[in-house]
Protein backbone atom coordinates (compact mmCIF):
# COMPACT_ATOMS: atom_id res chain seq x y z
CA UNK A 1 19.01 4.36 10.20
CA UNK A 2 18.83 2.66 13.63
CA UNK A 3 22.62 2.44 13.64
CA UNK A 4 22.99 6.26 13.46
CA UNK A 5 22.58 6.70 17.25
CA UNK A 6 23.08 10.46 17.29
CA UNK A 7 20.37 11.01 14.65
CA UNK A 8 17.95 8.66 16.38
CA UNK A 9 18.43 10.39 19.69
CA UNK A 10 17.70 13.81 18.09
CA UNK A 11 14.53 12.39 16.58
CA UNK A 12 13.36 10.93 19.90
CA UNK A 13 14.22 14.03 21.87
CA UNK A 14 12.27 16.22 19.38
CA UNK A 15 9.40 13.71 19.15
CA UNK A 16 9.71 13.84 15.36
CA UNK A 17 6.81 11.90 13.85
CA UNK A 18 8.50 11.84 10.44
CA UNK A 19 10.70 9.00 11.72
CA UNK A 20 7.88 6.76 13.01
CA UNK A 21 8.30 3.41 11.33
CA UNK A 22 11.97 4.13 10.35
CA UNK A 23 13.19 2.78 13.67
CA UNK A 24 11.96 1.86 17.16
CA UNK A 25 13.32 3.07 20.53
CA UNK A 26 13.62 0.59 23.39
CA UNK A 27 14.08 1.75 26.96
CA UNK A 28 16.23 -0.39 29.21
CA UNK A 29 14.78 0.83 32.48
CA UNK A 30 11.09 0.19 31.55
CA UNK A 31 11.38 -2.75 29.19
CA UNK A 32 9.24 -1.13 26.59
CA UNK A 33 9.70 0.06 22.97
CA UNK A 34 8.18 3.16 21.44
CA UNK A 35 7.93 5.10 18.22
CA UNK A 36 10.19 8.17 18.00
CA UNK A 37 7.26 10.53 18.47
CA UNK A 38 6.10 8.97 21.76
CA UNK A 39 4.59 11.79 23.90
CA UNK A 40 6.18 10.67 27.18
CA UNK A 41 9.29 12.38 28.51
CA UNK A 42 12.26 10.98 26.54
CA UNK A 43 14.48 8.60 28.56
CA UNK A 44 18.16 9.18 29.25
CA UNK A 45 20.35 8.58 26.30
CA UNK A 46 22.26 5.80 28.02
CA UNK A 47 18.97 3.92 28.49
CA UNK A 48 17.96 4.02 24.82
CA UNK A 49 18.46 1.22 22.36
CA UNK A 50 17.41 1.42 18.73
CA UNK A 51 15.92 -1.34 16.59
CA UNK A 52 15.09 -1.44 12.85
CA UNK A 53 11.75 -3.21 13.33
CA UNK A 54 9.11 -3.89 15.96
CA UNK A 55 9.86 -7.60 15.59
CA UNK A 56 13.54 -7.04 16.52
CA UNK A 57 12.51 -5.05 19.59
CA UNK A 58 10.08 -7.84 20.59
CA UNK A 59 12.74 -10.55 20.08
CA UNK A 60 15.03 -8.53 22.39
CA UNK A 61 12.40 -8.84 25.11
CA UNK A 62 10.75 -5.37 24.95
CA UNK A 63 7.00 -4.77 25.13
CA UNK A 64 5.05 -2.29 23.03
CA UNK A 65 4.31 1.09 24.66
CA UNK A 66 0.69 1.41 25.65
CA UNK A 67 0.78 5.14 25.09
CA UNK A 68 2.22 5.62 21.56
CA UNK A 69 1.34 2.14 20.21
CA UNK A 70 4.44 1.66 18.04
CA UNK A 71 2.87 -1.38 16.37
CA UNK A 72 0.32 0.99 14.71
CA UNK A 73 2.88 3.46 13.27
CA UNK A 74 3.20 3.97 9.50
CA UNK A 75 5.48 1.41 7.85
CA UNK A 76 8.98 2.18 6.81
CA UNK A 77 9.06 3.99 3.50
CA UNK A 78 12.05 1.94 2.42
CA UNK A 79 9.90 -1.00 1.45
CA UNK A 80 8.01 1.12 -1.10
CA UNK A 81 11.15 2.82 -2.43
CA UNK A 82 13.24 -0.25 -3.11
CA UNK A 83 13.08 -3.32 -5.31
CA UNK A 84 15.72 -5.42 -3.65
CA UNK A 85 15.26 -8.79 -1.88
CA UNK A 86 14.53 -7.37 1.57
CA UNK A 87 12.01 -4.83 0.26
CA UNK A 88 10.26 -7.40 -1.82
CA UNK A 89 10.16 -9.84 1.15
CA UNK A 90 8.68 -7.10 3.38
CA UNK A 91 5.91 -6.30 0.91
CA UNK A 92 5.07 -10.03 0.64
CA UNK A 93 5.05 -10.46 4.41
CA UNK A 94 2.75 -7.48 4.68
CA UNK A 95 0.48 -9.15 2.15
CA UNK A 96 0.20 -12.24 4.30
CA UNK A 97 2.25 -14.67 2.30
CA UNK A 98 3.82 -16.37 5.36
CA UNK A 99 0.42 -16.95 6.99
CA UNK A 100 -0.86 -18.54 3.79
CA UNK A 101 2.16 -20.36 2.50
CA UNK A 102 4.83 -20.28 5.21
CA UNK A 103 8.48 -19.30 4.77
CA UNK A 104 8.89 -21.81 1.89
CA UNK A 105 6.15 -19.94 0.07
CA UNK A 106 7.91 -16.65 0.60
CA UNK A 107 11.12 -18.10 -0.71
CA UNK A 108 9.29 -19.53 -3.73
CA UNK A 109 7.81 -16.15 -4.62
CA UNK A 110 11.24 -14.45 -4.33
CA UNK A 111 13.29 -17.15 -6.04
CA UNK A 112 15.85 -17.41 -3.20
CA UNK A 113 16.62 -20.03 -0.63
CA UNK A 114 15.09 -19.80 2.85
CA UNK A 115 18.58 -19.40 4.29
CA UNK A 116 19.42 -16.49 2.01
CA UNK A 117 16.20 -14.69 2.91
CA UNK A 118 16.56 -15.27 6.62
CA UNK A 119 20.19 -14.02 6.51
CA UNK A 120 19.35 -10.77 4.72
CA UNK A 121 16.27 -10.05 6.82
CA UNK A 122 18.25 -10.54 10.02
CA UNK A 123 21.05 -8.41 8.74
CA UNK A 124 18.85 -5.46 7.97
CA UNK A 125 15.85 -5.85 10.28
CA UNK A 126 17.21 -7.80 13.27
CA UNK A 127 14.55 -10.46 12.84
CA UNK A 128 13.68 -13.32 10.48
CA UNK A 129 10.50 -13.79 8.42
CA UNK A 130 8.65 -15.72 11.15
CA UNK A 131 9.26 -13.01 13.75
CA UNK A 132 8.25 -10.28 11.32
CA UNK A 133 5.02 -12.19 10.47
CA UNK A 134 4.37 -12.72 14.17
CA UNK A 135 4.60 -8.97 14.89
CA UNK A 136 2.08 -8.38 12.09
CA UNK A 137 -0.23 -11.02 13.58
CA UNK A 138 0.00 -9.32 16.95
CA UNK A 139 -1.09 -5.98 15.41
CA UNK A 140 -3.98 -7.66 13.59
CA UNK A 141 -5.05 -9.31 16.81
CA UNK A 142 -4.96 -5.97 18.64
CA UNK A 143 -7.18 -4.34 15.91
CA UNK A 144 -9.73 -7.11 16.21
CA UNK A 145 -9.71 -7.08 19.99
CA UNK A 146 -10.24 -3.39 20.13
CA UNK A 147 -12.66 -2.84 17.22
CA UNK A 148 -14.89 -5.92 17.37
CA UNK A 149 -16.90 -7.98 19.79
CA UNK A 150 -15.70 -11.23 18.23
CA UNK A 151 -14.88 -14.08 20.68
CA UNK A 152 -11.17 -14.32 21.38
CA UNK A 153 -11.03 -17.78 19.76
CA UNK A 154 -12.34 -16.28 16.46
CA UNK A 155 -9.84 -13.41 16.71
CA UNK A 156 -6.93 -15.85 17.18
CA UNK A 157 -7.96 -17.75 14.04
CA UNK A 158 -8.60 -14.56 12.02
CA UNK A 159 -5.26 -13.04 12.99
CA UNK A 160 -3.36 -16.15 11.75
CA UNK A 161 -2.39 -17.82 15.01
CA UNK A 162 -2.10 -21.55 15.09
CA UNK A 163 -3.59 -21.96 18.55
CA UNK A 164 -5.38 -19.99 21.29
CA UNK A 165 -2.40 -20.54 23.56
CA UNK A 166 0.00 -18.96 21.06
CA UNK A 167 -2.40 -16.09 20.58
CA UNK A 168 -2.72 -15.43 24.32
CA UNK A 169 1.06 -15.73 24.93
CA UNK A 170 1.92 -13.38 22.01
CA UNK A 171 -0.58 -10.69 23.01
CA UNK A 172 0.57 -10.78 26.59
CA UNK A 173 4.25 -10.73 25.62
CA UNK A 174 3.95 -7.87 23.07
CA UNK A 175 1.40 -5.64 24.89
CA UNK A 176 1.91 -6.66 28.56
CA UNK A 177 -1.85 -7.28 28.79
CA UNK A 178 -4.04 -10.30 28.25
CA UNK A 179 -6.43 -10.13 25.30
CA UNK A 180 -9.37 -9.57 27.69
CA UNK A 181 -7.48 -6.77 29.54
CA UNK A 182 -6.63 -5.17 26.20
CA UNK A 183 -10.31 -5.11 25.21
CA UNK A 184 -11.44 -3.63 28.52
CA UNK A 185 -8.74 -0.94 28.40
CA UNK A 186 -10.18 0.57 25.22
CA UNK A 187 -13.37 1.86 26.79
CA UNK A 188 -14.92 -1.62 27.15
CA UNK A 189 -14.32 -2.27 23.42
CA UNK A 190 -15.70 -0.55 20.45
CA UNK A 191 -18.27 -2.96 18.97
CA UNK A 192 -18.35 -3.47 15.23
CA UNK A 193 -21.26 -1.83 13.46
CA UNK A 194 -22.22 -5.11 11.73
CA UNK A 195 -20.98 -8.61 11.53
CA UNK A 196 -17.67 -8.68 9.61
CA UNK A 197 -17.47 -4.86 9.55
CA UNK A 198 -14.60 -3.00 11.18
CA UNK A 199 -13.82 0.66 11.57
CA UNK A 200 -10.23 1.79 12.05
CA UNK A 201 -7.79 4.54 11.37
CA UNK A 202 -4.86 4.36 8.88
CA UNK A 203 -1.96 6.52 9.93
CA UNK A 204 0.29 8.41 7.53
CA UNK A 205 3.25 10.74 7.53
CA UNK A 206 2.31 14.34 7.07
CA UNK A 207 1.86 16.29 4.98
CA UNK A 208 -0.70 14.46 2.80
CA UNK A 209 -2.55 16.07 -0.14
CA UNK A 210 -5.78 14.14 -0.58
CA UNK A 211 -6.93 16.11 -3.64
CA UNK A 212 -5.04 14.29 -6.41
CA UNK A 213 -4.98 10.95 -4.50
CA UNK A 214 -8.69 10.53 -3.98
CA UNK A 215 -9.54 12.71 -6.99
CA UNK A 216 -7.69 10.31 -9.26
CA UNK A 217 -9.20 7.16 -7.81
CA UNK A 218 -12.72 8.65 -8.02
CA UNK A 219 -12.34 10.13 -11.51
CA UNK A 220 -11.05 6.88 -12.99
CA UNK A 221 -13.23 4.55 -10.89
CA UNK A 222 -14.80 1.60 -12.68
CA UNK A 223 -18.61 1.48 -12.32
CA UNK A 224 -19.68 -1.33 -10.07
CA UNK A 225 -16.17 -1.84 -8.64
CA UNK A 226 -15.48 1.70 -7.38
CA UNK A 227 -17.50 4.75 -6.33
CA UNK A 228 -17.34 8.06 -4.47
CA UNK A 229 -20.12 8.23 -1.89
CA UNK A 230 -20.69 10.65 0.95
CA UNK A 231 -17.14 11.96 0.94
CA UNK A 232 -15.46 8.55 0.77
CA UNK A 233 -13.86 6.39 -1.85
CA UNK A 234 -15.33 2.89 -1.90
CA UNK A 235 -14.37 -0.23 -3.77
CA UNK A 236 -14.58 -3.99 -3.80
CA UNK A 237 -11.58 -6.15 -2.91
CA UNK A 238 -10.63 -9.61 -4.15
CA UNK A 239 -8.85 -11.25 -1.24
CA UNK A 240 -7.27 -14.69 -0.58
CA UNK A 241 -10.11 -16.07 1.51
CA UNK A 242 -13.06 -14.16 0.08
CA UNK A 243 -13.91 -10.65 -0.85
CA UNK A 244 -14.43 -7.30 0.85
CA UNK A 245 -15.72 -3.76 0.51
CA UNK A 246 -13.65 -0.87 1.80
CA UNK A 247 -14.65 2.72 2.45
CA UNK A 248 -11.74 5.19 2.76
CA UNK A 249 -12.34 8.80 3.88
CA UNK A 250 -9.56 11.44 4.12
CA UNK A 251 -9.29 13.39 7.39
CA UNK A 252 -6.48 15.81 8.49
CA UNK A 253 -5.07 13.29 10.98
CA UNK A 254 -5.69 9.90 9.38
CA UNK A 255 -7.62 7.96 6.77
CA UNK A 256 -10.88 6.64 8.20
CA UNK A 257 -11.21 3.09 6.97
CA UNK A 258 -14.34 0.92 7.09
CA UNK A 259 -13.96 -2.69 6.02
CA UNK A 260 -16.62 -5.29 5.43
CA UNK A 261 -15.04 -8.70 4.95
CA UNK A 262 -16.49 -12.08 4.19
CA UNK A 263 -13.56 -13.71 6.05
CA UNK A 264 -11.74 -11.90 8.87
CA UNK A 265 -8.51 -13.77 8.03
CA UNK A 266 -8.14 -11.21 5.23
CA UNK A 267 -8.02 -8.20 7.58
CA UNK A 268 -4.27 -7.53 7.65
CA UNK A 269 -4.02 -8.20 3.94
CA UNK A 270 -6.86 -5.76 3.18
CA UNK A 271 -5.27 -3.07 5.38
CA UNK A 272 -1.93 -3.61 3.69
CA UNK A 273 -3.38 -3.32 0.19
CA UNK A 274 -5.40 -0.14 1.10
CA UNK A 275 -2.23 1.46 2.54
CA UNK A 276 -0.37 0.47 -0.60
CA UNK A 277 -3.09 1.93 -2.86
CA UNK A 278 -3.04 5.27 -0.97
CA UNK A 279 0.76 5.34 -0.70
CA UNK A 280 0.48 6.01 3.03
CA UNK A 281 3.97 4.79 3.91
CA UNK A 282 5.70 7.37 1.70
CA UNK A 283 8.18 9.92 3.02
CA UNK A 284 6.63 13.16 1.65
CA UNK A 285 9.22 15.42 3.22
CA UNK A 286 12.09 13.69 1.40
CA UNK A 287 10.12 13.67 -1.86
CA UNK A 288 9.09 17.33 -1.72
CA UNK A 289 12.49 18.58 -0.54
CA UNK A 290 14.08 17.16 -3.71
CA UNK A 291 11.37 18.20 -6.16
CA UNK A 292 11.13 21.75 -4.93
CA UNK A 293 14.74 22.27 -5.93
CA UNK A 294 13.55 22.51 -9.53
CA UNK A 295 12.29 26.12 -9.97
CA UNK A 296 9.60 24.87 -12.38
CA UNK A 297 8.02 22.77 -9.60
CA UNK A 298 8.73 24.84 -6.52
CA UNK A 299 5.42 26.77 -6.50
CA UNK A 300 3.32 23.60 -7.06
CA UNK A 301 5.16 21.66 -4.30
CA UNK A 302 4.77 24.55 -1.87
CA UNK A 303 1.08 25.06 -2.69
CA UNK A 304 -0.02 21.46 -2.12
CA UNK A 305 2.83 19.48 -0.48
CA UNK A 306 2.53 15.80 0.23
CA UNK A 307 1.07 14.49 -3.02
CA UNK A 308 0.98 10.73 -3.15
CA UNK A 309 0.94 8.35 -6.12
CA UNK A 310 -2.52 6.77 -6.48
CA UNK A 311 -1.86 3.05 -6.77
CA UNK A 312 -4.02 -0.06 -6.85
CA UNK A 313 -5.06 -2.92 -4.70
CA UNK A 314 -4.50 -5.41 -7.49
CA UNK A 315 -1.65 -5.22 -9.99
CA UNK A 316 -3.21 -7.55 -12.55
CA UNK A 317 -6.45 -5.53 -12.49
CA UNK A 318 -4.60 -2.32 -13.06
CA UNK A 319 -2.60 -3.70 -15.99
CA UNK A 320 -5.84 -4.67 -17.75
CA UNK A 321 -7.27 -1.26 -17.03
CA UNK A 322 -4.16 0.43 -18.42
CA UNK A 323 -4.67 -1.46 -21.71
CA UNK A 324 -8.31 -0.35 -21.78
CA UNK A 325 -7.15 3.24 -21.27
CA UNK A 326 -4.69 3.27 -24.16
CA UNK A 327 -5.40 6.24 -26.49
CA UNK A 328 -8.81 6.93 -25.17
CA UNK A 329 -10.29 9.47 -22.73
CA UNK A 330 -10.82 8.76 -19.03
CA UNK A 331 -14.56 8.50 -19.52
CA UNK A 332 -14.16 5.99 -22.40
CA UNK A 333 -11.77 3.88 -20.34
CA UNK A 334 -14.30 3.79 -17.48
CA UNK A 335 -17.04 2.77 -19.94
CA UNK A 336 -14.93 -0.07 -21.47
CA UNK A 337 -13.97 -1.34 -17.99
CA UNK A 338 -17.51 -1.11 -16.75
CA UNK A 339 -18.82 -3.29 -19.58
CA UNK A 340 -16.04 -5.85 -18.92
CA UNK A 341 -17.00 -5.97 -15.22
CA UNK A 342 -20.71 -6.42 -15.99
CA UNK A 343 -19.98 -9.28 -18.40
CA UNK A 344 -17.24 -11.11 -16.48
CA UNK A 345 -17.06 -9.82 -12.90
CA UNK A 346 -18.24 -11.74 -9.89
CA UNK A 347 -21.37 -10.24 -8.29
CA UNK A 348 -21.21 -8.98 -4.77
CA UNK A 349 -23.77 -7.51 -2.38
CA UNK A 350 -23.35 -3.94 -1.05
CA UNK A 351 -26.01 -2.94 1.39
CA UNK A 352 -24.47 0.51 1.93
CA UNK A 353 -23.87 1.64 -1.69
CA UNK A 354 -23.79 0.89 -5.34
CA UNK A 355 -20.96 -1.61 -5.70
CA UNK A 356 -21.96 -4.65 -7.61
CA UNK A 357 -18.93 -6.70 -8.78
CA UNK A 358 -15.33 -7.77 -8.26
CA UNK A 359 -13.12 -6.82 -11.18
CA UNK A 360 -12.71 -10.05 -13.31
CA UNK A 361 -9.50 -11.96 -12.59
CA UNK A 362 -6.90 -12.86 -15.14
CA UNK A 363 -8.18 -16.42 -15.58
CA UNK A 364 -11.73 -15.20 -16.43
CA UNK A 365 -10.29 -12.64 -18.93
CA UNK A 366 -7.97 -15.22 -20.54
CA UNK A 367 -10.87 -17.60 -21.09
CA UNK A 368 -13.13 -15.06 -22.85
CA UNK A 369 -13.79 -15.30 -26.61
CA UNK A 370 -11.94 -12.29 -28.12
CA UNK A 371 -14.70 -11.84 -30.69
CA UNK A 372 -17.07 -10.86 -27.86
CA UNK A 373 -14.92 -7.89 -26.84
CA UNK A 374 -16.03 -4.60 -28.22
CA UNK A 375 -12.56 -3.35 -29.05
CA UNK A 376 -10.39 -3.05 -32.15
CA UNK A 377 -8.67 -6.30 -33.10
CA UNK A 378 -5.25 -5.10 -31.90
CA UNK A 379 -6.62 -4.14 -28.48
CA UNK A 380 -8.34 -7.51 -28.14
CA UNK A 381 -5.09 -9.28 -28.84
CA UNK A 382 -3.21 -7.12 -26.32
CA UNK A 383 -5.88 -7.69 -23.65
CA UNK A 384 -6.25 -11.43 -23.99
CA UNK A 385 -2.47 -12.02 -24.33
CA UNK A 386 -1.80 -9.95 -21.21
CA UNK A 387 -4.55 -11.83 -19.31
CA UNK A 388 -3.16 -15.18 -20.34
CA UNK A 389 0.38 -14.18 -19.22
CA UNK A 390 -0.96 -12.96 -15.86
CA UNK A 391 -3.03 -16.08 -15.32
CA UNK A 392 -0.07 -18.36 -16.16
CA UNK A 393 2.24 -16.45 -13.86
CA UNK A 394 4.53 -15.36 -16.71
CA UNK A 395 4.11 -11.76 -15.58
CA UNK A 396 4.20 -11.03 -11.88
CA UNK A 397 2.75 -7.71 -10.76
CA UNK A 398 2.25 -8.69 -7.15
CA UNK A 399 3.79 -7.21 -3.99
CA UNK A 400 7.02 -9.24 -4.29
CA UNK A 401 7.57 -8.68 -7.98
CA UNK A 402 10.96 -7.77 -9.44
CA UNK A 403 10.33 -4.32 -11.07
CA UNK A 404 12.98 -4.74 -13.78
CA UNK A 405 11.82 -8.23 -14.65
CA UNK A 406 8.14 -7.22 -14.74
CA UNK A 407 8.91 -4.39 -17.15
CA UNK A 408 10.89 -6.75 -19.38
CA UNK A 409 8.08 -9.31 -19.44
CA UNK A 410 5.46 -6.72 -20.23
CA UNK A 411 7.61 -5.37 -23.03
CA UNK A 412 7.59 -8.85 -24.69
CA UNK A 413 3.75 -8.78 -25.08
CA UNK A 414 2.13 -7.23 -28.16
CA UNK A 415 0.60 -3.78 -27.86
CA UNK A 416 2.38 -2.75 -24.69
CA UNK A 417 4.55 0.28 -25.32
CA UNK A 418 6.51 2.53 -22.97
CA UNK A 419 3.53 4.57 -21.79
CA UNK A 420 1.58 1.52 -20.68
CA UNK A 421 4.56 -0.19 -19.08
CA UNK A 422 5.59 2.90 -17.09
CA UNK A 423 2.01 3.52 -16.01
CA UNK A 424 1.82 -0.02 -14.75
CA UNK A 425 5.21 0.43 -13.05
CA UNK A 426 4.02 3.61 -11.35
CA UNK A 427 0.61 2.47 -10.12
CA UNK A 428 0.74 -1.29 -9.95
CA UNK A 429 4.38 -2.07 -9.10
CA UNK A 430 4.78 1.10 -7.02
CA UNK A 431 8.15 2.12 -8.52
CA UNK A 432 8.65 5.68 -7.21
CA UNK A 433 10.88 6.51 -10.15
CA UNK A 434 8.49 5.39 -12.92
CA UNK A 435 8.14 8.12 -15.55
CA UNK A 436 5.80 8.73 -18.47
CA UNK A 437 7.36 11.39 -20.71
CA UNK A 438 4.98 10.54 -23.57
CA UNK A 439 1.83 11.06 -21.49
CA UNK A 440 -0.25 13.89 -22.97
CA UNK A 441 -0.85 15.49 -19.57
CA UNK A 442 2.80 15.39 -18.64
CA UNK A 443 3.80 16.95 -21.99
CA UNK A 444 1.17 19.65 -21.68
CA UNK A 445 2.42 20.50 -18.23
CA UNK A 446 6.00 20.58 -19.42
CA UNK A 447 5.08 23.13 -22.08
CA UNK A 448 3.11 25.18 -19.53
CA UNK A 449 6.10 25.25 -17.16
CA UNK A 450 8.68 25.97 -19.82
CA UNK A 451 10.23 22.59 -19.50
CA UNK A 452 11.43 20.53 -22.49
CA UNK A 453 8.34 19.10 -24.15
CA UNK A 454 9.78 16.32 -26.27
CA UNK A 455 9.98 12.94 -24.52
CA UNK A 456 13.74 12.62 -24.95
CA UNK A 457 14.54 16.08 -23.70
CA UNK A 458 12.06 15.82 -20.83
CA UNK A 459 13.54 12.46 -19.79
CA UNK A 460 16.98 14.06 -19.63
CA UNK A 461 15.66 16.95 -17.55
CA UNK A 462 13.86 14.56 -15.21
CA UNK A 463 17.19 13.07 -14.04
CA UNK A 464 17.20 15.78 -11.41
CA UNK A 465 13.92 14.41 -10.00
CA UNK A 466 15.21 10.87 -9.45
CA UNK A 467 14.40 8.75 -7.62
CA UNK A 468 10.96 10.44 -7.20
CA UNK A 469 9.89 10.92 -10.82
CA UNK A 470 6.48 9.19 -10.22
CA UNK A 471 5.76 11.94 -7.67
CA UNK A 472 6.93 14.60 -10.09
CA UNK A 473 4.29 13.31 -12.45
CA UNK A 474 1.63 14.01 -9.86
CA UNK A 475 2.83 17.66 -9.58
CA UNK A 476 2.96 17.97 -13.39
CA UNK A 477 -0.61 16.68 -13.66
CA UNK A 478 -1.62 19.20 -11.06
CA UNK A 479 -1.04 22.07 -13.50
CA UNK A 480 -4.08 21.06 -15.50
CA UNK A 481 -7.78 21.53 -14.82
CA UNK A 482 -8.84 17.91 -14.60
CA UNK A 483 -11.09 15.98 -12.31
CA UNK A 484 -8.15 13.80 -11.24
CA UNK A 485 -6.72 16.83 -9.36
CA UNK A 486 -9.65 17.59 -7.00
CA UNK A 487 -11.94 15.84 -4.57
CA UNK A 488 -15.33 15.19 -5.93
CA UNK A 489 -18.07 17.54 -4.75
C-alpha cells in the first residue's frame, strides 16, 4: 500500500487509525517516522515519504515519533491473511526465530535459501530479516525500559541484543533517546508489580467485539491451563526459554495484558503469541464490509461488528484438543483435556489464581501408553498418531507453516476428517478462509437464517464470503445461545 501515495496521504491527513501498521510515514524536515494516525499536524505532502515497515524507515535514517509511538502500532493484517513466503517469514520473525536460530534458522523453517528470503523481504518490506528482527528487538527493549525496573544490562540481554553497546546504539538511533532518558521520560518508569511480571497494553484496530473472542476461550478453557478470573482470561504459556502465565482483560481501547515470565527473553514471543491468539492484527472493517453484503448476515454484523477468530498460542496443543473435541460436547472435551493435563502436563506455580499445569507437549503425548487413555480405541490411535507426527516434525502447525501442506499432512493421519482439519486451519494455522460446513452449530445457524443447510450447498453459498469465511463462522455461531458467544459473568 505504501506505493499508493495518494491513498497514503489521505490516510495521514484524516489521521485514519485503520491504516496503522499498514504503512509508516516519514517526514523529511524532522527526520522522524509516524503511524498514519499520529495526532500532530500533518506535514506538507512534499515532505512525506512512505515505507512498508518500521525497519525500512529506520534503515532510511528516520527515528520513531515520540508522540504516536509507531513501533507500538498494530501489525499489518497482511501477515495473518496470507500464506506466501513473506507472510510466513514475518510470522516466524515475530515469534523470535531469528533471535534463537539466526537467518539460517529462518531459511530452514521456510525451506528457501537465505538469498531468496532476503530478496523477497526487501522487495515487499524494504528491509531484510536482520533489520526486521532489529526493529522488533528495539520495541521489546522499549517495553522493558518503560514497564520494569530491570537494570539496562538485563534488558539488553532479554531483548535479544548481543551486547550492551548494540543495545544502547539501537535505542538511541530508533528513539532519539538513550535508554536511561527513555525510562525517565515515562514518569520515572512504571515499576513491575513483581519480579518477572510486566503490565502492558495490546493495541488493536477497532471495532473489536470481545464477547465471542473471550467467551469462546473461557467456555472451552482446559482446567489447570486456562481460567476466567476477575474479568480476565488467564492461561499458561510454554515458551522457548521457560514458561509464563498471561492475564488478558478486554477494555474499549486496548487489551490489558499482564505477563509473568520465568525468562524475560520470551517477552516479545509471548506478546506475539497473545496477539495471534486474540487476532488483534485483523482488519475488521474489510472483513465486515464484505460479510454484511450477504443479507443473511447483515443484521448480525451490524449488531456486533468486529468479531475476531479465537485462535491459540500453540498449534500442536490445539490440534490435540480438536481431536479430544470430536463428536463430544464442549464440557466433555474440557473434561478429557483436563485429565490429560493432570496426568501428563508440567506443573507450574500460580500465586494469583488457579492455573496448575502447562499443556503436555507432543513428545510427552507420543510417549504415553495408549491403553492408559480413557478414550475409544479409534480416538486413542488418532491422538497418539497425531502426537507422534507433531513430535517428529512431520506436521508443522507453527507460525511459519505452509497452510496447504499442513492440511495435506493432517489428512494423511487416521481419524482426522474435514471438520477437524478445517477447525485446526481456522484456529491453529490462522487461515482466515477456513470453513467448517459440517459443524453442527454452523448448520443450525444456516437453517435459522434460511441459508442452504447441506454442507455442499452451504460451501457453494460461502464463496461470496471468501476470503473471510472463518469470520463468517463467528457470525453464524453468534445466532445460537451458547456460552462461547458471551463474556462470562
